[in-house]
Amino acid sequence: MSVEAEIRGLLAEAVELDRAAIDALPADTGLFAPEIGLTSLAGLKLLSAIQQRFGVDVADEDMNLDSLESIASLAAFVGTRTRR
């Protein structure tokens, strides 16, 4: 499974949306766009899940907000730092 596919699954759980709905979105969909509606609480759940799944502590990384712009940018950020 690709990093992006796994990120989509974690995102669906964090924002409590159906996985199929998240899978149907284009990769450039903004995480804070109305289709996803990532809130600060859901964002914390997502970043915690990413740390558990990939071993990437997003809060401890040199991350800029561009990494949280879209599904694709978050997947790219995690993909370059993953310890798979």
PDB file of N, CA and C in Angstrom:
ATOM      1  N   MET A   1       0.856  -1.177   0.000  1.00  0.00           N
ATOM      2  CA  MET A   1       0.000   0.000   0.000  1.00  0.00           C
ATOM      3  C   MET A   1       0.900   1.238   0.000  1.00  0.00           C
ATOM      4  N   SER A   2       0.529   2.228  -0.774  1.00  0.00           N
ATOM      5  CA  SER A   2       1.328   3.447  -0.864  1.00  0.00           C
ATOM      6  C   SER A   2       1.150   4.308   0.381  1.00  0.00           C
ATOM      7  N   VAL A   3       2.110   5.197   0.590  1.00  0.00           N
ATOM      8  CA  VAL A   3       2.023   6.124   1.720  1.00  0.00           C
ATOM      9  C   VAL A   3       0.756   6.953   1.597  1.00  0.00           C
ATOM     10  N   GLU A   4       0.466   7.422   0.388  1.00  0.00           N
ATOM     11  CA  GLU A   4      -0.735   8.239   0.211  1.00  0.00           C
ATOM     12  C   GLU A   4      -1.999   7.465   0.571  1.00  0.00           C
ATOM     13  N   ALA A   5      -2.076   6.220   0.165  1.00  0.00           N
ATOM     14  CA  ALA A   5      -3.258   5.401   0.479  1.00  0.00           C
ATOM     15  C   ALA A   5      -3.398   5.221   1.991  1.00  0.00           C
ATOM     16  N   GLU A   6      -2.288   5.002   2.664  1.00  0.00           N
ATOM     17  CA  GLU A   6      -2.345   4.846   4.119  1.00  0.00           C
ATOM     18  C   GLU A   6      -2.711   6.166   4.796  1.00  0.00           C
ATOM     19  N   ILE A   7      -2.173   7.275   4.286  1.00  0.00           N
ATOM     20  CA  ILE A   7      -2.525   8.597   4.825  1.00  0.00           C
ATOM     21  C   ILE A   7      -4.024   8.837   4.661  1.00  0.00           C
ATOM     22  N   ARG A   8      -4.571   8.458   3.518  1.00  0.00           N
ATOM     23  CA  ARG A   8      -6.016   8.628   3.287  1.00  0.00           C
ATOM     24  C   ARG A   8      -6.827   7.840   4.319  1.00  0.00           C
ATOM     25  N   GLY A   9      -6.391   6.633   4.638  1.00  0.00           N
ATOM     26  CA  GLY A   9      -7.088   5.842   5.650  1.00  0.00           C
ATOM     27  C   GLY A   9      -7.022   6.482   7.025  1.00  0.00           C
ATOM     28  N   LEU A  10      -5.844   6.964   7.391  1.00  0.00           N
ATOM     29  CA  LEU A  10      -5.684   7.633   8.684  1.00  0.00           C
ATOM     30  C   LEU A  10      -6.493   8.922   8.730  1.00  0.00           C
ATOM     31  N   LEU A  11      -6.526   9.617   7.616  1.00  0.00           N
ATOM     32  CA  LEU A  11      -7.298  10.858   7.529  1.00  0.00           C
ATOM     33  C   LEU A  11      -8.792  10.580   7.686  1.00  0.00           C
ATOM     34  N   ALA A  12      -9.275   9.540   7.030  1.00  0.00           N
ATOM     35  CA  ALA A  12     -10.698   9.184   7.138  1.00  0.00           C
ATOM     36  C   ALA A  12     -11.068   8.893   8.590  1.00  0.00           C
ATOM     37  N   GLU A  13     -10.200   8.185   9.296  1.00  0.00           N
ATOM     38  CA  GLU A  13     -10.458   7.895  10.710  1.00  0.00           C
ATOM     39  C   GLU A  13     -10.430   9.171  11.553  1.00  0.00           C
ATOM     40  N   ALA A  14      -9.463  10.044  11.286  1.00  0.00           N
ATOM     41  CA  ALA A  14      -9.308  11.251  12.098  1.00  0.00           C
ATOM     42  C   ALA A  14     -10.489  12.203  11.954  1.00  0.00           C
ATOM     43  N   VAL A  15     -10.992  12.342  10.737  1.00  0.00           N
ATOM     44  CA  VAL A  15     -12.102  13.275  10.518  1.00  0.00           C
ATOM     45  C   VAL A  15     -13.459  12.575  10.523  1.00  0.00           C
ATOM     46  N   GLU A  16     -13.425  11.257  10.773  1.00  0.00           N
ATOM     47  CA  GLU A  16     -14.646  10.462  10.873  1.00  0.00           C
ATOM     48  C   GLU A  16     -15.512  10.560   9.630  1.00  0.00           C
ATOM     49  N   LEU A  17     -14.854  10.379   8.469  1.00  0.00           N
ATOM     50  CA  LEU A  17     -15.550  10.304   7.198  1.00  0.00           C
ATOM     51  C   LEU A  17     -15.379   8.908   6.629  1.00  0.00           C
ATOM     52  N   ASP A  18     -16.279   8.545   5.753  1.00  0.00           N
ATOM     53  CA  ASP A  18     -16.200   7.262   5.072  1.00  0.00           C
ATOM     54  C   ASP A  18     -14.922   7.208   4.238  1.00  0.00           C
ATOM     55  N   ARG A  19     -14.226   6.089   4.303  1.00  0.00           N
ATOM     56  CA  ARG A  19     -12.965   5.936   3.565  1.00  0.00           C
ATOM     57  C   ARG A  19     -13.174   6.138   2.072  1.00  0.00           C
ATOM     58  N   ALA A  20     -14.275   5.652   1.534  1.00  0.00           N
ATOM     59  CA  ALA A  20     -14.549   5.809   0.103  1.00  0.00           C
ATOM     60  C   ALA A  20     -14.656   7.280  -0.288  1.00  0.00           C
ATOM     61  N   ALA A  21     -15.213   8.095   0.609  1.00  0.00           N
ATOM     62  CA  ALA A  21     -15.333   9.532   0.332  1.00  0.00           C
ATOM     63  C   ALA A  21     -13.950  10.180   0.259  1.00  0.00           C
ATOM     64  N   ILE A  22     -13.055   9.794   1.158  1.00  0.00           N
ATOM     65  CA  ILE A  22     -11.691  10.323   1.144  1.00  0.00           C
ATOM     66  C   ILE A  22     -10.942   9.803  -0.076  1.00  0.00           C
ATOM     67  N   ASP A  23     -11.112   8.543  -0.408  1.00  0.00           N
ATOM     68  CA  ASP A  23     -10.436   7.959  -1.567  1.00  0.00           C
ATOM     69  C   ASP A  23     -10.870   8.615  -2.873  1.00  0.00           C
ATOM     70  N   ALA A  24     -12.086   9.119  -2.929  1.00  0.00           N
ATOM     71  CA  ALA A  24     -12.608   9.731  -4.149  1.00  0.00           C
ATOM     72  C   ALA A  24     -12.068  11.137  -4.387  1.00  0.00           C
ATOM     73  N   LEU A  25     -11.472  11.737  -3.385  1.00  0.00           N
ATOM     74  CA  LEU A  25     -10.970  13.106  -3.514  1.00  0.00           C
ATOM     75  C   LEU A  25      -9.653  13.148  -4.283  1.00  0.00           C
ATOM     76  N   PRO A  26      -9.446  14.179  -5.097  1.00  0.00           N
ATOM     77  CA  PRO A  26      -8.154  14.336  -5.765  1.00  0.00           C
ATOM     78  C   PRO A  26      -7.043  14.548  -4.733  1.00  0.00           C
ATOM     79  N   ALA A  27      -5.837  14.147  -5.082  1.00  0.00           N
ATOM     80  CA  ALA A  27      -4.705  14.252  -4.157  1.00  0.00           C
ATOM     81  C   ALA A  27      -4.402  15.692  -3.761  1.00  0.00           C
ATOM     82  N   ASP A  28      -4.783  16.646  -4.602  1.00  0.00           N
ATOM     83  CA  ASP A  28      -4.491  18.044  -4.273  1.00  0.00           C
ATOM     84  C   ASP A  28      -5.586  18.700  -3.438  1.00  0.00           C
ATOM     85  N   THR A  29      -6.537  17.919  -2.946  1.00  0.00           N
ATOM     86  CA  THR A  29      -7.589  18.457  -2.076  1.00  0.00           C
ATOM     87  C   THR A  29      -6.960  18.953  -0.780  1.00  0.00           C
ATOM     88  N   GLY A  30      -7.282  20.173  -0.407  1.00  0.00           N
ATOM     89  CA  GLY A  30      -6.753  20.761   0.812  1.00  0.00           C
ATOM     90  C   GLY A  30      -7.269  20.048   2.049  1.00  0.00           C
ATOM     91  N   LEU A  31      -6.371  19.849   3.007  1.00  0.00           N
ATOM     92  CA  LEU A  31      -6.786  19.176   4.244  1.00  0.00           C
ATOM     93  C   LEU A  31      -7.804  19.993   5.019  1.00  0.00           C
ATOM     94  N   PHE A  32      -7.749  21.318   4.866  1.00  0.00           N
ATOM     95  CA  PHE A  32      -8.681  22.184   5.572  1.00  0.00           C
ATOM     96  C   PHE A  32      -9.845  22.619   4.679  1.00  0.00           C
ATOM     97  N   ALA A  33      -9.926  22.037   3.487  1.00  0.00           N
ATOM     98  CA  ALA A  33     -11.016  22.335   2.558  1.00  0.00           C
ATOM     99  C   ALA A  33     -12.324  21.765   3.106  1.00  0.00           C
ATOM    100  N   PRO A  34     -13.447  22.296   2.666  1.00  0.00           N
ATOM    101  CA  PRO A  34     -14.740  21.820   3.176  1.00  0.00           C
ATOM    102  C   PRO A  34     -14.970  20.314   2.975  1.00  0.00           C
ATOM    103  N   GLU A  35     -14.395  19.740   1.928  1.00  0.00           N
ATOM    104  CA  GLU A  35     -14.602  18.309   1.663  1.00  0.00           C
ATOM    105  C   GLU A  35     -14.021  17.436   2.777  1.00  0.00           C
ATOM    106  N   ILE A  36     -12.957  17.916   3.405  1.00  0.00           N
ATOM    107  CA  ILE A  36     -12.311  17.165   4.489  1.00  0.00           C
ATOM    108  C   ILE A  36     -12.597  17.824   5.827  1.00  0.00           C
ATOM    109  N   GLY A  37     -12.412  19.120   5.908  1.00  0.00           N
ATOM    110  CA  GLY A  37     -12.739  19.861   7.121  1.00  0.00           C
ATOM    111  C   GLY A  37     -11.901  19.477   8.330  1.00  0.00           C
ATOM    112  N   LEU A  38     -10.610  19.321   8.125  1.00  0.00           N
ATOM    113  CA  LEU A  38      -9.722  18.965   9.231  1.00  0.00           C
ATOM    114  C   LEU A  38      -9.756  20.051  10.306  1.00  0.00           C
ATOM    115  N   THR A  39     -10.078  19.661  11.522  1.00  0.00           N
ATOM    116  CA  THR A  39     -10.089  20.585  12.655  1.00  0.00           C
ATOM    117  C   THR A  39      -8.796  20.400  13.447  1.00  0.00           C
ATOM    118  N   SER A  40      -8.574  21.235  14.418  1.00  0.00           N
ATOM    119  CA  SER A  40      -7.353  21.101  15.216  1.00  0.00           C
ATOM    120  C   SER A  40      -7.339  19.772  15.975  1.00  0.00           C
ATOM    121  N   LEU A  41      -8.466  19.346  16.512  1.00  0.00           N
ATOM    122  CA  LEU A  41      -8.531  18.077  17.228  1.00  0.00           C
ATOM    123  C   LEU A  41      -8.303  16.900  16.279  1.00  0.00           C
ATOM    124  N   ALA A  42      -8.966  16.925  15.132  1.00  0.00           N
ATOM    125  CA  ALA A  42      -8.763  15.860  14.146  1.00  0.00           C
ATOM    126  C   ALA A  42      -7.322  15.873  13.639  1.00  0.00           C
ATOM    127  N   GLY A  43      -6.732  17.071  13.525  1.00  0.00           N
ATOM    128  CA  GLY A  43      -5.337  17.181  13.105  1.00  0.00           C
ATOM    129  C   GLY A  43      -4.400  16.510  14.090  1.00  0.00           C
ATOM    130  N   LEU A  44      -4.658  16.684  15.366  1.00  0.00           N
ATOM    131  CA  LEU A  44      -3.840  16.021  16.390  1.00  0.00           C
ATOM    132  C   LEU A  44      -3.989  14.509  16.304  1.00  0.00           C
ATOM    133  N   LYS A  45      -5.213  14.041  16.090  1.00  0.00           N
ATOM    134  CA  LYS A  45      -5.443  12.600  15.940  1.00  0.00           C
ATOM    135  C   LYS A  45      -4.691  12.063  14.729  1.00  0.00           C
ATOM    136  N   LEU A  46      -4.728  12.822  13.637  1.00  0.00           N
ATOM    137  CA  LEU A  46      -4.050  12.408  12.413  1.00  0.00           C
ATOM    138  C   LEU A  46      -2.535  12.353  12.615  1.00  0.00           C
ATOM    139  N   LEU A  47      -1.962  13.387  13.205  1.00  0.00           N
ATOM    140  CA  LEU A  47      -0.507  13.415  13.411  1.00  0.00           C
ATOM    141  C   LEU A  47      -0.056  12.327  14.377  1.00  0.00           C
ATOM    142  N   SER A  48      -0.871  12.031  15.373  1.00  0.00           N
ATOM    143  CA  SER A  48      -0.557  10.936  16.298  1.00  0.00           C
ATOM    144  C   SER A  48      -0.589   9.594  15.573  1.00  0.00           C
ATOM    145  N   ALA A  49      -1.581   9.407  14.721  1.00  0.00           N
ATOM    146  CA  ALA A  49      -1.689   8.165  13.955  1.00  0.00           C
ATOM    147  C   ALA A  49      -0.521   8.018  12.983  1.00  0.00           C
ATOM    148  N   ILE A  50      -0.091   9.115  12.391  1.00  0.00           N
ATOM    149  CA  ILE A  50       1.061   9.086  11.488  1.00  0.00           C
ATOM    150  C   ILE A  50       2.312   8.683  12.256  1.00  0.00           C
ATOM    151  N   GLN A  51       2.472   9.226  13.449  1.00  0.00           N
ATOM    152  CA  GLN A  51       3.640   8.866  14.261  1.00  0.00           C
ATOM    153  C   GLN A  51       3.616   7.370  14.609  1.00  0.00           C
ATOM    154  N   GLN A  52       2.460   6.870  14.990  1.00  0.00           N
ATOM    155  CA  GLN A  52       2.350   5.451  15.336  1.00  0.00           C
ATOM    156  C   GLN A  52       2.586   4.556  14.124  1.00  0.00           C
ATOM    157  N   ARG A  53       2.020   4.903  12.989  1.00  0.00           N
ATOM    158  CA  ARG A  53       2.102   4.049  11.800  1.00  0.00           C
ATOM    159  C   ARG A  53       3.462   4.120  11.107  1.00  0.00           C
ATOM    160  N   PHE A  54       3.994   5.338  10.968  1.00  0.00           N
ATOM    161  CA  PHE A  54       5.194   5.531  10.163  1.00  0.00           C
ATOM    162  C   PHE A  54       6.448   5.837  10.980  1.00  0.00           C
ATOM    163  N   GLY A  55       6.294   6.124  12.265  1.00  0.00           N
ATOM    164  CA  GLY A  55       7.447   6.492  13.077  1.00  0.00           C
ATOM    165  C   GLY A  55       7.937   7.892  12.790  1.00  0.00           C
ATOM    166  N   VAL A  56       7.084   8.709  12.205  1.00  0.00           N
ATOM    167  CA  VAL A  56       7.436  10.088  11.882  1.00  0.00           C
ATOM    168  C   VAL A  56       6.742  11.002  12.881  1.00  0.00           C
ATOM    169  N   ASP A  57       7.539  11.674  13.692  1.00  0.00           N
ATOM    170  CA  ASP A  57       6.994  12.635  14.649  1.00  0.00           C
ATOM    171  C   ASP A  57       6.929  13.980  13.947  1.00  0.00           C
ATOM    172  N   VAL A  58       5.786  14.263  13.369  1.00  0.00           N
ATOM    173  CA  VAL A  58       5.623  15.470  12.566  1.00  0.00           C
ATOM    174  C   VAL A  58       5.935  16.716  13.384  1.00  0.00           C
ATOM    175  N   ALA A  59       5.556  16.732  14.643  1.00  0.00           N
ATOM    176  CA  ALA A  59       5.816  17.895  15.499  1.00  0.00           C
ATOM    177  C   ALA A  59       7.301  18.095  15.743  1.00  0.00           C
ATOM    178  N   ASP A  60       8.079  17.030  15.668  1.00  0.00           N
ATOM    179  CA  ASP A  60       9.519  17.107  15.931  1.00  0.00           C
ATOM    180  C   ASP A  60      10.322  17.386  14.662  1.00  0.00           C
ATOM    181  N   GLU A  61       9.680  17.344  13.521  1.00  0.00           N
ATOM    182  CA  GLU A  61      10.352  17.555  12.241  1.00  0.00           C
ATOM    183  C   GLU A  61      10.382  19.040  11.894  1.00  0.00           C
ATOM    184  N   ASP A  62      11.243  19.367  10.953  1.00  0.00           N
ATOM    185  CA  ASP A  62      11.268  20.720  10.401  1.00  0.00           C
ATOM    186  C   ASP A  62      10.157  20.847   9.380  1.00  0.00           C
ATOM    187  N   MET A  63       8.961  20.968   9.860  1.00  0.00           N
ATOM    188  CA  MET A  63       7.813  20.988   8.974  1.00  0.00           C
ATOM    189  C   MET A  63       7.318  22.410   8.795  1.00  0.00           C
ATOM    190  N   ASN A  64       6.967  22.748   7.574  1.00  0.00           N
ATOM    191  CA  ASN A  64       6.300  24.024   7.370  1.00  0.00           C
ATOM    192  C   ASN A  64       4.844  23.732   7.023  1.00  0.00           C
ATOM    193  N   LEU A  65       4.037  24.740   7.060  1.00  0.00           N
ATOM    194  CA  LEU A  65       2.603  24.531   6.851  1.00  0.00           C
ATOM    195  C   LEU A  65       2.273  24.053   5.450  1.00  0.00           C
ATOM    196  N   ASP A  66       3.197  24.228   4.493  1.00  0.00           N
ATOM    197  CA  ASP A  66       2.956  23.717   3.146  1.00  0.00           C
ATOM    198  C   ASP A  66       2.771  22.205   3.156  1.00  0.00           C
ATOM    199  N   SER A  67       3.388  21.530   4.117  1.00  0.00           N
ATOM    200  CA  SER A  67       3.268  20.075   4.215  1.00  0.00           C
ATOM    201  C   SER A  67       1.861  19.644   4.596  1.00  0.00           C
ATOM    202  N   LEU A  68       1.106  20.541   5.165  1.00  0.00           N
ATOM    203  CA  LEU A  68      -0.275  20.238   5.558  1.00  0.00           C
ATOM    204  C   LEU A  68      -1.292  20.847   4.596  1.00  0.00           C
ATOM    205  N   GLU A  69      -0.817  21.244   3.431  1.00  0.00           N
ATOM    206  CA  GLU A  69      -1.700  21.896   2.472  1.00  0.00           C
ATOM    207  C   GLU A  69      -2.714  20.937   1.866  1.00  0.00           C
ATOM    208  N   SER A  70      -2.270  19.744   1.510  1.00  0.00           N
ATOM    209  CA  SER A  70      -3.155  18.816   0.806  1.00  0.00           C
ATOM    210  C   SER A  70      -2.816  17.376   1.174  1.00  0.00           C
ATOM    211  N   ILE A  71      -3.640  16.464   0.692  1.00  0.00           N
ATOM    212  CA  ILE A  71      -3.373  15.042   0.894  1.00  0.00           C
ATOM    213  C   ILE A  71      -2.007  14.693   0.312  1.00  0.00           C
ATOM    214  N   ALA A  72      -1.754  15.172  -0.903  1.00  0.00           N
ATOM    215  CA  ALA A  72      -0.492  14.856  -1.592  1.00  0.00           C
ATOM    216  C   ALA A  72       0.720  15.431  -0.863  1.00  0.00           C
ATOM    217  N   SER A  73       0.620  16.662  -0.375  1.00  0.00           N
ATOM    218  CA  SER A  73       1.780  17.271   0.291  1.00  0.00           C
ATOM    219  C   SER A  73       2.088  16.569   1.613  1.00  0.00           C
ATOM    220  N   LEU A  74       1.065  16.154   2.336  1.00  0.00           N
ATOM    221  CA  LEU A  74       1.294  15.426   3.583  1.00  0.00           C
ATOM    222  C   LEU A  74       1.896  14.051   3.288  1.00  0.00           C
ATOM    223  N   ALA A  75       1.380  13.379   2.276  1.00  0.00           N
ATOM    224  CA  ALA A  75       1.923  12.069   1.899  1.00  0.00           C
ATOM    225  C   ALA A  75       3.380  12.189   1.457  1.00  0.00           C
ATOM    226  N   ALA A  76       3.715  13.233   0.717  1.00  0.00           N
ATOM    227  CA  ALA A  76       5.091  13.437   0.276  1.00  0.00           C
ATOM    228  C   ALA A  76       6.005  13.695   1.466  1.00  0.00           C
ATOM    229  N   PHE A  77       5.538  14.511   2.404  1.00  0.00           N
ATOM    230  CA  PHE A  77       6.312  14.819   3.605  1.00  0.00           C
ATOM    231  C   PHE A  77       6.600  13.547   4.391  1.00  0.00           C
ATOM    232  N   VAL A  78       5.581  12.759   4.627  1.00  0.00           N
ATOM    233  CA  VAL A  78       5.747  11.522   5.391  1.00  0.00           C
ATOM    234  C   VAL A  78       6.598  10.522   4.605  1.00  0.00           C
ATOM    235  N   GLY A  79       6.366  10.448   3.313  1.00  0.00           N
ATOM    236  CA  GLY A  79       7.098   9.504   2.479  1.00  0.00           C
ATOM    237  C   GLY A  79       8.601   9.722   2.477  1.00  0.00           C
ATOM    238  N   THR A  80       9.030  10.962   2.583  1.00  0.00           N
ATOM    239  CA  THR A  80      10.471  11.242   2.593  1.00  0.00           C
ATOM    240  C   THR A  80      11.102  10.999   3.951  1.00  0.00           C
ATOM    241  N   ARG A  81      10.275  10.802   4.972  1.00  0.00           N
ATOM    242  CA  ARG A  81      10.801  10.624   6.325  1.00  0.00           C
ATOM    243  C   ARG A  81      10.461   9.282   6.955  1.00  0.00           C
ATOM    244  N   THR A  82       9.793   8.448   6.221  1.00  0.00           N
ATOM    245  CA  THR A  82       9.323   7.178   6.778  1.00  0.00           C
ATOM    246  C   THR A  82      10.461   6.207   7.041  1.00  0.00           C
ATOM    247  N   ARG A  83      10.278   5.392   8.068  1.00  0.00           N
ATOM    248  CA  ARG A  83      11.260   4.373   8.434  1.00  0.00           C
ATOM    249  C   ARG A  83      10.710   2.992   8.135  1.00  0.00           C
ATOM    250  N   ARG A  84      10.138   2.801   7.002  1.00  0.00           N
ATOM    251  CA  ARG A  84       9.506   1.525   6.635  1.00  0.00           C
ATOM    252  C   ARG A  84      10.512   0.447   6.520  1.00  0.00           C
TER     253      ARG A  84
END
